[in-house]
N, C-alpha and C. Protein backbone atom coordinates (compact mmCIF):
# COMPACT_ATOMS: atom_id res chain seq x y z
N MET A 1 -16.71 174.88 3.72
CA MET A 1 -18.06 175.35 3.46
C MET A 1 -18.01 176.91 2.43
N ASN A 2 -18.85 176.66 1.86
CA ASN A 2 -19.18 178.16 0.78
C ASN A 2 -19.97 179.05 1.58
N LEU A 3 -19.59 180.15 1.82
CA LEU A 3 -20.21 181.26 2.74
C LEU A 3 -21.09 181.84 1.56
N MET A 4 -20.49 182.14 0.71
CA MET A 4 -21.33 182.58 -0.40
C MET A 4 -22.45 181.94 -1.25
N VAL A 5 -22.76 180.67 -0.43
CA VAL A 5 -23.78 180.14 -1.33
C VAL A 5 -25.26 180.90 -1.11
N THR A 6 -26.08 180.65 -1.64
CA THR A 6 -27.40 181.62 -1.61
C THR A 6 -28.10 180.60 -0.82
N VAL A 7 -28.70 181.56 0.21
CA VAL A 7 -29.69 180.59 1.25
C VAL A 7 -30.98 181.21 1.16
N LEU A 8 -31.35 182.08 0.48
CA LEU A 8 -32.92 182.59 0.17
C LEU A 8 -32.67 183.76 -0.97
N THR A 9 -33.73 183.58 -1.84
CA THR A 9 -33.95 184.44 -2.71
C THR A 9 -35.14 184.99 -2.50
N ALA A 10 -35.42 186.52 -2.42
CA ALA A 10 -36.91 186.99 -2.41
C ALA A 10 -36.75 188.33 -3.07
N TRP A 11 -37.87 188.48 -3.95
CA TRP A 11 -37.53 189.47 -4.88
C TRP A 11 -36.54 189.82 -5.24
N GLY A 12 -35.69 189.00 -5.96
CA GLY A 12 -34.60 189.20 -6.82
C GLY A 12 -33.74 189.66 -5.94
N TYR A 13 -33.67 189.49 -4.59
CA TYR A 13 -32.75 189.54 -3.66
C TYR A 13 -31.98 188.19 -3.26
N GLU A 14 -30.79 187.90 -3.63
CA GLU A 14 -30.05 186.78 -3.17
C GLU A 14 -29.37 187.10 -1.95
N LEU A 15 -29.64 186.19 -0.95
CA LEU A 15 -29.09 186.24 0.76
C LEU A 15 -28.38 185.43 0.69
N SER A 16 -26.68 185.55 0.86
CA SER A 16 -25.46 184.42 1.00
C SER A 16 -26.04 184.09 2.40
N LEU A 17 -24.94 182.92 2.66
CA LEU A 17 -25.06 182.63 4.14
C LEU A 17 -24.05 183.50 4.75
N LEU A 18 -22.93 184.08 4.18
CA LEU A 18 -22.25 185.21 4.85
C LEU A 18 -22.96 185.96 5.56
N GLU A 19 -23.98 186.68 4.75
CA GLU A 19 -24.65 187.97 5.02
C GLU A 19 -25.55 187.61 6.01
N LEU A 20 -26.17 186.47 5.75
CA LEU A 20 -27.09 185.89 7.17
C LEU A 20 -26.13 185.73 8.37
N LEU A 21 -25.25 184.91 8.36
CA LEU A 21 -24.32 185.01 9.46
C LEU A 21 -23.71 186.14 10.16
N ALA A 22 -23.41 187.01 9.34
CA ALA A 22 -22.91 188.45 9.70
C ALA A 22 -24.25 189.20 10.34
N PHE A 23 -25.43 189.15 9.77
CA PHE A 23 -26.38 189.85 10.06
C PHE A 23 -26.81 189.38 11.74
N ILE A 24 -26.81 188.13 11.87
CA ILE A 24 -26.96 187.28 13.24
C ILE A 24 -26.20 187.62 14.34
N THR A 25 -24.88 187.60 14.04
CA THR A 25 -23.64 187.76 14.95
C THR A 25 -23.64 189.49 15.25
N SER A 26 -23.98 190.23 14.22
CA SER A 26 -24.17 191.44 14.37
C SER A 26 -25.30 191.96 15.50
N LEU A 27 -26.51 191.52 15.23
CA LEU A 27 -27.69 191.59 16.06
C LEU A 27 -27.66 191.32 17.49
N ILE A 28 -26.83 190.09 17.47
CA ILE A 28 -26.75 189.47 18.98
C ILE A 28 -25.36 190.76 19.54
N GLY A 29 -24.35 190.83 19.20
CA GLY A 29 -23.40 191.63 19.67
C GLY A 29 -23.75 193.35 19.98
N VAL A 30 -24.45 193.75 19.20
CA VAL A 30 -25.00 195.13 19.68
C VAL A 30 -26.15 195.02 20.70
N SER A 31 -27.03 194.19 20.53
CA SER A 31 -28.04 194.11 21.87
C SER A 31 -27.35 193.94 22.93
N LEU A 32 -26.48 193.03 23.04
CA LEU A 32 -25.93 192.77 24.42
C LEU A 32 -25.23 194.08 24.64
N GLY A 33 -24.61 194.92 23.79
CA GLY A 33 -24.00 196.27 24.14
C GLY A 33 -24.73 197.26 24.99
N VAL A 34 -25.94 197.21 24.74
CA VAL A 34 -27.12 197.95 25.49
C VAL A 34 -26.80 197.73 27.05
N PHE A 35 -26.83 196.43 27.44
CA PHE A 35 -26.85 196.00 28.54
C PHE A 35 -25.35 196.02 29.44
N GLY A 36 -24.30 195.99 28.58
CA GLY A 36 -22.76 196.36 28.89
C GLY A 36 -22.32 195.08 29.45
N PRO A 37 -22.70 194.00 29.12
CA PRO A 37 -21.74 192.87 29.50
C PRO A 37 -20.59 192.72 28.64
N ARG A 38 -19.40 192.15 29.50
CA ARG A 38 -18.34 191.82 28.41
C ARG A 38 -18.69 190.97 27.40
N ILE A 39 -19.30 190.09 27.28
CA ILE A 39 -19.44 189.19 26.41
C ILE A 39 -20.02 189.80 24.97
N THR A 40 -20.46 190.96 24.84
CA THR A 40 -20.62 191.74 23.43
C THR A 40 -19.47 191.59 22.81
N TRP A 41 -18.40 191.59 23.47
CA TRP A 41 -17.11 192.03 22.32
C TRP A 41 -16.88 190.98 21.52
N PRO A 42 -17.03 189.79 22.13
CA PRO A 42 -16.59 188.34 20.91
C PRO A 42 -17.78 188.10 19.74
N PHE A 43 -18.87 188.76 19.98
CA PHE A 43 -19.78 188.79 18.93
C PHE A 43 -19.45 189.77 17.85
N TRP A 44 -19.04 191.08 18.51
CA TRP A 44 -18.48 192.27 17.48
C TRP A 44 -17.73 191.59 16.82
N SER A 45 -16.72 191.14 17.11
CA SER A 45 -15.45 190.36 16.52
C SER A 45 -15.71 189.49 15.43
N ILE A 46 -16.69 188.63 15.81
CA ILE A 46 -16.94 187.29 14.73
C ILE A 46 -17.75 188.27 13.42
N SER A 47 -18.43 189.05 13.81
CA SER A 47 -19.62 189.74 12.99
C SER A 47 -18.74 190.97 11.93
N SER A 48 -17.76 191.30 12.90
CA SER A 48 -16.88 192.33 11.93
C SER A 48 -15.94 191.57 11.18
N LEU A 49 -15.54 190.41 11.30
CA LEU A 49 -14.58 189.57 10.22
C LEU A 49 -15.67 189.03 9.06
N LEU A 50 -16.45 188.70 9.35
CA LEU A 50 -17.70 188.19 8.28
C LEU A 50 -17.91 189.45 7.43
N TYR A 51 -18.54 190.90 8.11
CA TYR A 51 -18.97 191.73 7.36
C TYR A 51 -17.65 192.57 6.48
N ALA A 52 -16.61 192.22 7.14
CA ALA A 52 -15.54 192.74 6.28
C ALA A 52 -15.20 192.05 4.89
N ALA A 53 -15.64 191.02 4.87
CA ALA A 53 -15.56 189.97 3.38
C ALA A 53 -16.48 190.93 2.68
N LEU A 54 -17.92 190.87 3.25
CA LEU A 54 -19.13 191.64 2.17
C LEU A 54 -18.77 193.01 1.70
N PHE A 55 -18.24 193.86 2.74
CA PHE A 55 -18.24 195.19 2.50
C PHE A 55 -16.98 195.50 1.26
N PHE A 56 -15.84 194.72 1.53
CA PHE A 56 -14.84 194.54 0.35
C PHE A 56 -15.46 194.40 -0.84
N GLN A 57 -16.29 193.16 -1.19
CA GLN A 57 -17.10 192.48 -2.08
C GLN A 57 -17.88 193.66 -2.88
N TRP A 58 -18.55 194.32 -1.91
CA TRP A 58 -19.42 195.57 -2.45
C TRP A 58 -18.96 196.61 -2.39
N ASN A 59 -17.65 196.89 -2.62
CA ASN A 59 -16.91 198.09 -2.72
C ASN A 59 -17.00 199.02 -1.47
N TYR A 60 -17.47 198.93 -0.54
CA TYR A 60 -17.44 199.84 0.50
C TYR A 60 -16.14 199.56 1.48
N TYR A 61 -15.41 200.39 0.58
CA TYR A 61 -13.85 200.34 1.38
C TYR A 61 -13.81 200.50 2.78
N ALA A 62 -14.03 201.75 3.19
CA ALA A 62 -14.33 202.31 4.32
C ALA A 62 -15.02 201.44 5.56
N SER A 63 -16.26 200.77 4.82
CA SER A 63 -16.97 200.07 5.83
C SER A 63 -15.88 198.69 5.95
N GLY A 64 -15.46 198.44 4.91
CA GLY A 64 -14.38 196.95 5.24
C GLY A 64 -13.26 197.04 6.07
N PHE A 65 -12.65 198.40 5.99
CA PHE A 65 -11.59 198.59 6.67
C PHE A 65 -11.95 198.74 8.23
N LEU A 66 -13.16 199.54 8.51
CA LEU A 66 -13.79 199.73 9.75
C LEU A 66 -13.75 198.51 10.68
N GLN A 67 -14.07 197.38 9.84
CA GLN A 67 -14.35 196.08 10.57
C GLN A 67 -13.27 195.89 11.61
N PHE A 68 -12.01 196.23 11.02
CA PHE A 68 -10.91 195.71 11.65
C PHE A 68 -10.74 196.60 12.68
N ILE A 69 -11.18 197.86 12.70
CA ILE A 69 -10.91 198.52 13.84
C ILE A 69 -12.05 198.19 15.05
N PHE A 70 -13.24 197.47 14.48
CA PHE A 70 -14.21 197.10 15.13
C PHE A 70 -13.34 195.91 16.20
N ILE A 71 -12.69 195.18 15.31
CA ILE A 71 -12.12 194.06 16.02
C ILE A 71 -11.10 194.62 17.11
N ALA A 72 -10.38 195.37 16.65
CA ALA A 72 -9.46 196.10 17.65
C ALA A 72 -10.09 196.58 19.00
N GLY A 73 -11.10 197.40 18.61
CA GLY A 73 -11.98 197.96 19.68
C GLY A 73 -12.54 197.02 20.73
N ALA A 74 -12.89 195.70 19.89
CA ALA A 74 -13.54 194.63 20.80
C ALA A 74 -12.70 194.25 21.68
N ILE A 75 -11.27 194.17 21.21
CA ILE A 75 -10.35 193.24 22.14
C ILE A 75 -9.92 194.41 23.56
N ALA A 76 -9.94 195.81 23.11
CA ALA A 76 -9.85 196.89 24.00
C ALA A 76 -10.90 196.60 25.08
N GLY A 77 -12.06 196.66 24.58
CA GLY A 77 -13.39 196.71 25.31
C GLY A 77 -13.46 195.52 26.20
N TRP A 78 -13.09 194.32 25.69
CA TRP A 78 -13.03 192.96 26.72
C TRP A 78 -12.10 193.34 27.87
N PHE A 79 -10.99 193.84 27.76
CA PHE A 79 -10.04 194.31 28.88
C PHE A 79 -10.60 195.49 29.45
N GLY A 80 -10.94 196.23 28.85
CA GLY A 80 -11.27 197.61 29.37
C GLY A 80 -12.53 197.70 30.18
N TRP A 81 -13.56 196.87 29.81
CA TRP A 81 -14.55 196.83 30.77
C TRP A 81 -14.66 195.84 32.09
N GLY A 82 -14.05 194.86 31.79
CA GLY A 82 -13.59 194.20 33.27
C GLY A 82 -14.95 193.08 33.28
N PRO A 83 -14.69 192.48 34.09
CA PRO A 83 -15.72 191.23 34.33
C PRO A 83 -16.97 191.94 34.72
N LYS A 84 -17.30 193.08 35.53
CA LYS A 84 -18.55 193.67 35.65
C LYS A 84 -19.22 194.51 34.66
N GLY A 85 -18.44 194.37 33.34
CA GLY A 85 -18.97 195.18 32.12
C GLY A 85 -18.82 196.66 32.18
N ALA A 86 -19.57 197.65 31.40
CA ALA A 86 -19.42 198.79 31.35
C ALA A 86 -19.98 199.37 32.55
N GLN A 87 -19.26 200.63 32.71
CA GLN A 87 -19.77 201.53 34.03
C GLN A 87 -20.05 202.86 33.07
N PRO A 88 -21.03 203.02 32.31
CA PRO A 88 -21.13 204.69 31.69
C PRO A 88 -20.83 205.77 32.51
N LYS A 89 -20.20 206.84 32.12
CA LYS A 89 -19.73 208.06 32.11
C LYS A 89 -20.16 208.94 31.03
N ARG A 90 -20.25 210.53 31.38
CA ARG A 90 -20.32 211.58 30.57
C ARG A 90 -19.07 212.11 30.10
N LEU A 91 -19.14 212.47 28.85
CA LEU A 91 -17.97 213.61 28.40
C LEU A 91 -18.29 214.60 28.92
N THR A 92 -17.24 215.44 28.97
CA THR A 92 -17.31 216.99 29.45
C THR A 92 -17.74 217.66 28.20
N LYS A 93 -18.27 218.87 28.12
CA LYS A 93 -18.92 219.84 27.20
C LYS A 93 -17.52 220.13 26.41
N ARG A 94 -16.45 220.37 26.91
CA ARG A 94 -15.22 220.62 26.06
C ARG A 94 -14.87 219.63 25.48
N ASP A 95 -14.78 218.42 25.89
CA ASP A 95 -14.46 216.93 24.86
C ASP A 95 -15.41 216.72 24.11
N ALA A 96 -16.90 217.01 24.11
CA ALA A 96 -17.62 216.70 23.17
C ALA A 96 -17.46 217.85 22.03
N ALA A 97 -17.23 218.90 22.43
CA ALA A 97 -17.04 219.71 21.30
C ALA A 97 -15.80 219.44 20.31
N ILE A 98 -14.74 218.88 21.08
CA ILE A 98 -13.52 218.83 20.27
C ILE A 98 -13.70 217.33 19.41
N TRP A 99 -14.74 216.23 20.12
CA TRP A 99 -14.63 215.42 19.52
C TRP A 99 -15.54 215.72 18.17
N GLY A 100 -16.48 216.24 18.39
CA GLY A 100 -17.75 217.05 17.18
C GLY A 100 -16.83 217.62 16.23
N ALA A 101 -15.65 218.37 16.64
CA ALA A 101 -14.81 219.05 15.26
C ALA A 101 -14.17 218.16 14.61
N ALA A 102 -13.50 217.08 15.70
CA ALA A 102 -12.85 216.12 14.86
C ALA A 102 -13.40 215.28 13.96
N TYR A 103 -14.68 215.20 14.27
CA TYR A 103 -15.61 214.07 13.22
C TYR A 103 -15.69 215.09 12.02
N LEU A 104 -15.54 216.29 11.99
CA LEU A 104 -16.20 216.76 10.80
C LEU A 104 -15.08 216.90 10.08
N VAL A 105 -13.50 217.52 10.31
CA VAL A 105 -12.53 217.46 9.87
C VAL A 105 -11.97 216.46 9.30
N ALA A 106 -12.07 214.93 10.02
CA ALA A 106 -11.59 213.91 9.17
C ALA A 106 -12.68 213.30 8.39
N TRP A 107 -13.97 213.64 8.69
CA TRP A 107 -15.23 213.16 7.42
C TRP A 107 -14.74 213.56 6.14
N PHE A 108 -14.68 215.34 6.11
CA PHE A 108 -14.46 215.73 4.79
C PHE A 108 -12.68 215.63 4.21
N SER A 109 -11.90 215.30 5.35
CA SER A 109 -10.53 214.58 4.69
C SER A 109 -10.53 213.48 4.24
N LEU A 110 -11.63 212.59 4.59
CA LEU A 110 -11.81 211.02 4.30
C LEU A 110 -12.44 210.95 2.67
N TYR A 111 -13.60 211.76 2.83
CA TYR A 111 -14.39 211.96 1.28
C TYR A 111 -13.59 211.92 0.24
N PRO A 112 -12.67 212.70 0.05
CA PRO A 112 -12.17 212.63 -1.39
C PRO A 112 -11.35 211.52 -1.71
N VAL A 113 -10.60 211.00 -0.34
CA VAL A 113 -9.66 209.93 -0.68
C VAL A 113 -10.63 208.98 -1.08
N LEU A 114 -11.69 208.41 -0.70
CA LEU A 114 -12.49 207.37 -1.09
C LEU A 114 -12.99 207.52 -2.24
N LYS A 115 -13.24 209.10 -2.79
CA LYS A 115 -13.97 209.21 -3.95
C LYS A 115 -12.99 208.99 -5.07
N LYS A 116 -11.63 209.45 -5.01
CA LYS A 116 -10.69 208.91 -5.81
C LYS A 116 -10.16 207.51 -5.82
N ILE A 117 -10.75 206.75 -5.08
CA ILE A 117 -10.10 205.31 -5.29
C ILE A 117 -11.52 204.51 -5.71
N GLY A 118 -12.58 205.23 -6.02
CA GLY A 118 -13.60 204.60 -6.70
C GLY A 118 -14.64 203.52 -5.66
N ALA A 119 -14.77 204.08 -4.43
CA ALA A 119 -15.42 203.50 -3.38
C ALA A 119 -17.00 203.78 -3.69
N ALA A 120 -17.81 202.68 -3.31
CA ALA A 120 -19.15 203.21 -3.47
C ALA A 120 -19.36 204.10 -2.44
N ALA A 121 -20.71 205.11 -2.68
CA ALA A 121 -21.21 205.82 -1.55
C ALA A 121 -20.06 206.24 -0.71
N SER A 122 -19.07 207.25 -1.42
CA SER A 122 -17.77 207.93 -0.67
C SER A 122 -18.52 208.79 0.41
N LEU A 123 -19.35 209.59 0.02
CA LEU A 123 -19.72 210.24 1.22
C LEU A 123 -20.31 210.07 2.19
N THR A 124 -21.29 209.15 2.07
CA THR A 124 -21.89 208.17 3.40
C THR A 124 -20.88 207.15 3.96
N ASP A 125 -20.06 206.44 3.30
CA ASP A 125 -19.13 205.77 3.79
C ASP A 125 -17.91 206.45 4.61
N ALA A 126 -17.74 207.58 4.19
CA ALA A 126 -16.62 208.20 5.18
C ALA A 126 -17.29 208.70 6.40
N PHE A 127 -18.42 209.32 6.38
CA PHE A 127 -19.36 209.81 7.32
C PHE A 127 -19.71 208.70 8.41
N GLY A 128 -19.88 207.46 7.75
CA GLY A 128 -19.95 206.17 8.67
C GLY A 128 -18.65 205.61 9.30
N PHE A 129 -17.68 205.63 8.55
CA PHE A 129 -16.24 205.05 8.92
C PHE A 129 -15.95 206.30 10.19
N ILE A 130 -15.96 207.39 9.95
CA ILE A 130 -15.55 208.07 10.98
C ILE A 130 -16.34 208.20 12.14
N GLY A 131 -17.61 208.34 12.12
CA GLY A 131 -18.37 208.46 12.99
C GLY A 131 -18.32 207.28 14.11
N SER A 132 -18.18 205.67 13.26
CA SER A 132 -18.08 204.71 13.99
C SER A 132 -16.90 204.39 14.77
N CYS A 133 -15.80 205.00 14.11
CA CYS A 133 -14.39 204.95 14.88
C CYS A 133 -14.35 205.70 16.28
N ILE A 134 -15.43 206.87 15.91
CA ILE A 134 -15.41 207.84 17.34
C ILE A 134 -16.50 207.12 18.26
N ALA A 135 -17.34 206.65 17.84
CA ALA A 135 -18.51 206.02 18.58
C ALA A 135 -17.72 204.64 19.01
N GLN A 136 -17.10 203.88 18.61
CA GLN A 136 -16.34 202.53 19.29
C GLN A 136 -15.32 203.18 20.20
N PHE A 137 -14.20 203.99 20.02
CA PHE A 137 -13.68 204.33 20.88
C PHE A 137 -14.47 205.10 22.47
N LEU A 138 -15.34 205.78 22.08
CA LEU A 138 -16.05 206.14 23.39
C LEU A 138 -16.86 204.90 24.29
N MET A 139 -17.42 204.18 23.02
CA MET A 139 -17.74 203.00 23.71
C MET A 139 -16.87 202.15 24.63
N VAL A 140 -15.84 201.90 24.19
CA VAL A 140 -14.67 201.21 24.77
C VAL A 140 -14.41 202.03 25.95
N ILE A 141 -14.30 203.33 26.10
CA ILE A 141 -14.28 203.88 27.17
C ILE A 141 -15.35 204.25 28.03
N GLN A 142 -16.29 203.92 27.68
CA GLN A 142 -17.45 203.85 28.32
C GLN A 142 -18.17 205.09 28.48
N ARG A 143 -18.58 206.08 27.35
CA ARG A 143 -19.00 206.78 27.36
C ARG A 143 -20.48 207.11 26.89
N TYR A 144 -21.74 207.46 27.59
CA TYR A 144 -22.74 207.27 27.06
C TYR A 144 -22.93 207.76 25.47
N GLU A 145 -22.14 209.01 25.30
CA GLU A 145 -22.38 209.77 23.82
C GLU A 145 -22.09 208.90 23.12
N SER A 146 -21.34 207.74 22.81
CA SER A 146 -21.24 206.83 21.76
C SER A 146 -22.60 206.68 21.21
N TRP A 147 -23.63 206.00 22.21
CA TRP A 147 -24.69 206.07 21.71
C TRP A 147 -25.60 207.17 20.60
N ILE A 148 -25.34 208.29 21.07
CA ILE A 148 -26.03 209.23 20.20
C ILE A 148 -24.95 209.10 18.75
N ILE A 149 -23.88 209.09 18.80
CA ILE A 149 -23.47 208.89 17.60
C ILE A 149 -23.55 207.78 16.83
N TRP A 150 -23.98 206.30 17.59
CA TRP A 150 -24.37 205.17 16.75
C TRP A 150 -25.65 205.72 16.05
N VAL A 151 -26.71 206.21 16.75
CA VAL A 151 -27.88 206.66 16.25
C VAL A 151 -27.71 207.18 14.65
N ILE A 152 -27.13 208.27 14.78
CA ILE A 152 -26.82 208.97 13.64
C ILE A 152 -26.18 208.32 12.39
N VAL A 153 -25.28 207.51 13.05
CA VAL A 153 -24.14 206.89 11.92
C VAL A 153 -25.26 205.64 11.29
N ASP A 154 -25.96 204.79 12.32
CA ASP A 154 -26.77 203.71 11.92
C ASP A 154 -27.85 204.38 10.77
N LEU A 155 -28.27 205.59 11.02
CA LEU A 155 -29.37 206.14 10.02
C LEU A 155 -28.61 206.33 8.52
N VAL A 156 -27.54 206.87 8.73
CA VAL A 156 -26.65 207.00 7.50
C VAL A 156 -26.46 205.64 6.73
N TYR A 157 -25.84 204.95 7.23
CA TYR A 157 -25.66 203.53 6.99
C TYR A 157 -27.11 202.72 6.54
N THR A 158 -28.11 202.78 7.23
CA THR A 158 -29.61 202.33 6.70
C THR A 158 -29.80 202.67 5.33
N TYR A 159 -29.49 204.08 5.18
CA TYR A 159 -29.81 204.70 3.84
C TYR A 159 -28.82 204.26 2.57
N GLN A 160 -27.79 204.09 3.27
CA GLN A 160 -26.40 203.64 2.20
C GLN A 160 -26.70 202.51 1.70
N TYR A 161 -27.04 201.49 2.66
CA TYR A 161 -26.88 199.99 1.98
C TYR A 161 -28.10 199.65 1.37
N TRP A 162 -29.49 200.52 1.70
CA TRP A 162 -30.72 200.18 0.95
C TRP A 162 -30.32 201.06 -0.14
N ASN A 163 -29.76 202.04 -0.42
CA ASN A 163 -29.48 202.65 -1.79
C ASN A 163 -28.72 201.77 -2.52
N GLY A 164 -27.89 200.84 -1.86
CA GLY A 164 -27.11 200.00 -2.57
C GLY A 164 -27.53 198.56 -2.78
N LYS A 165 -28.74 198.68 -2.70
CA LYS A 165 -29.40 197.16 -2.94
C LYS A 165 -28.88 196.04 -1.85
N ASN A 166 -28.41 196.08 -0.58
CA ASN A 166 -28.30 195.37 0.19
C ASN A 166 -28.91 195.38 1.29
N TYR A 167 -30.20 195.00 1.12
CA TYR A 167 -31.24 195.17 1.92
C TYR A 167 -31.23 194.23 3.30
N LEU A 168 -30.68 193.18 3.38
CA LEU A 168 -30.77 192.71 4.83
C LEU A 168 -29.81 193.26 5.68
N THR A 169 -29.16 194.06 5.46
CA THR A 169 -27.73 195.11 5.89
C THR A 169 -28.36 196.36 6.41
N ALA A 170 -29.07 196.96 5.30
CA ALA A 170 -29.81 198.09 5.39
C ALA A 170 -31.04 197.74 6.65
N ILE A 171 -31.81 196.96 6.53
CA ILE A 171 -32.70 196.44 7.58
C ILE A 171 -31.92 196.28 8.93
N LEU A 172 -30.60 195.40 8.90
CA LEU A 172 -29.83 195.51 10.09
C LEU A 172 -29.61 196.65 11.05
N TYR A 173 -28.81 197.49 10.03
CA TYR A 173 -28.68 199.19 10.18
C TYR A 173 -30.16 199.83 10.92
N PHE A 174 -31.07 199.62 10.42
CA PHE A 174 -32.26 200.07 11.01
C PHE A 174 -32.56 199.55 12.48
N ILE A 175 -32.13 198.10 12.56
CA ILE A 175 -32.58 197.48 13.79
C ILE A 175 -31.53 198.06 14.70
N PHE A 176 -30.22 198.47 14.09
CA PHE A 176 -29.16 198.94 15.23
C PHE A 176 -29.53 200.40 15.63
N THR A 177 -30.39 201.08 14.99
CA THR A 177 -30.72 202.58 15.00
C THR A 177 -31.59 202.33 16.42
N LEU A 178 -32.60 201.51 16.31
CA LEU A 178 -33.35 201.38 17.42
C LEU A 178 -32.82 200.78 18.55
N ILE A 179 -31.92 199.98 18.51
CA ILE A 179 -31.12 199.57 19.83
C ILE A 179 -30.13 200.55 20.15
N ALA A 180 -29.51 201.54 19.33
CA ALA A 180 -28.70 202.59 20.01
C ALA A 180 -29.77 203.60 20.43
N VAL A 181 -30.82 203.83 20.14
CA VAL A 181 -31.49 204.51 21.13
C VAL A 181 -31.94 204.13 22.45
N ALA A 182 -32.39 202.49 22.47
CA ALA A 182 -32.19 202.21 23.99
C ALA A 182 -30.86 202.23 24.77
N GLY A 183 -29.73 201.80 23.67
CA GLY A 183 -28.43 202.16 24.67
C GLY A 183 -28.21 203.50 25.02
N TRP A 184 -28.79 204.62 24.24
CA TRP A 184 -28.53 205.88 24.67
C TRP A 184 -29.40 206.01 26.15
N LYS A 185 -30.82 205.69 25.94
CA LYS A 185 -31.32 205.98 27.24
C LYS A 185 -30.66 205.22 28.37
N ARG A 186 -30.37 203.80 28.13
CA ARG A 186 -30.05 202.96 29.52
C ARG A 186 -28.87 203.64 29.75
N TRP A 187 -27.68 203.96 28.78
CA TRP A 187 -26.44 204.45 29.59
C TRP A 187 -26.64 205.97 30.00
N ARG A 188 -27.48 206.58 29.48
CA ARG A 188 -27.61 208.25 30.10
C ARG A 188 -28.05 208.06 31.58
N ASN A 189 -28.83 207.06 31.59
CA ASN A 189 -29.61 206.92 33.11
C ASN A 189 -28.60 206.32 34.03
N GLU A 190 -27.75 205.25 33.51
CA GLU A 190 -26.47 204.94 34.47
C GLU A 190 -25.53 205.58 34.70
N SER A 191 -25.08 206.65 33.54
CA SER A 191 -24.07 207.69 33.83
C SER A 191 -24.55 208.92 34.74
N ALA A 192 -26.05 208.79 34.91
CA ALA A 192 -26.31 210.14 35.62
C ALA A 192 -26.37 209.72 37.13
N ILE A 193 -26.52 208.40 37.26
CA ILE A 193 -26.63 207.54 38.62
C ILE A 193 -25.32 207.52 39.28
N SER A 194 -24.26 207.31 38.08
CA SER A 194 -22.61 206.96 38.56
C SER A 194 -22.23 208.39 39.18
N ARG A 195 -22.68 209.92 38.48
CA ARG A 195 -22.58 211.15 38.99
C ARG A 195 -22.85 211.43 40.15
N ALA A 196 -24.22 210.89 40.64
CA ALA A 196 -24.59 211.18 41.93
C ALA A 196 -24.16 210.70 43.06
């Protein structure tokens, strides 16, 4: 089966079967993540494999490598969440400050590397890569703050992919932003209940 076959052309945009399948599996996986069932993780893995192929094709190298981190996170999440799913908790203020500082240092360290190798959208791709790694880790360890990071990262990726004329993926990341807001609210409420 040729996954690069064009399934739809609209306004000059050619949608491949690969991008369509990546879109569908990503949407399912992220949507399930809001509710915290363990089944979210296999969808993350499948969509990550599909998007890895696309991102390397589009020269978004950090986004491509990120998909393999997502797969590792999905394996850890599957075992870490257990059969009952996520039990959201909150970071301490100190931990949140450490993660924030680490984010900034890592972002500004990765950016020149991506620029040097000729990656597309080096600044936003570095920002998204680092933010996604942190958000993924926090999600695996069931911290509600992961969703706050997802909101910011997804907005940046929406801009990046729209600007790169990868329209369906840009729309997907805009939908991810809305889902992340819902996840933020739900996990915040559940983490508050677990503290009581």
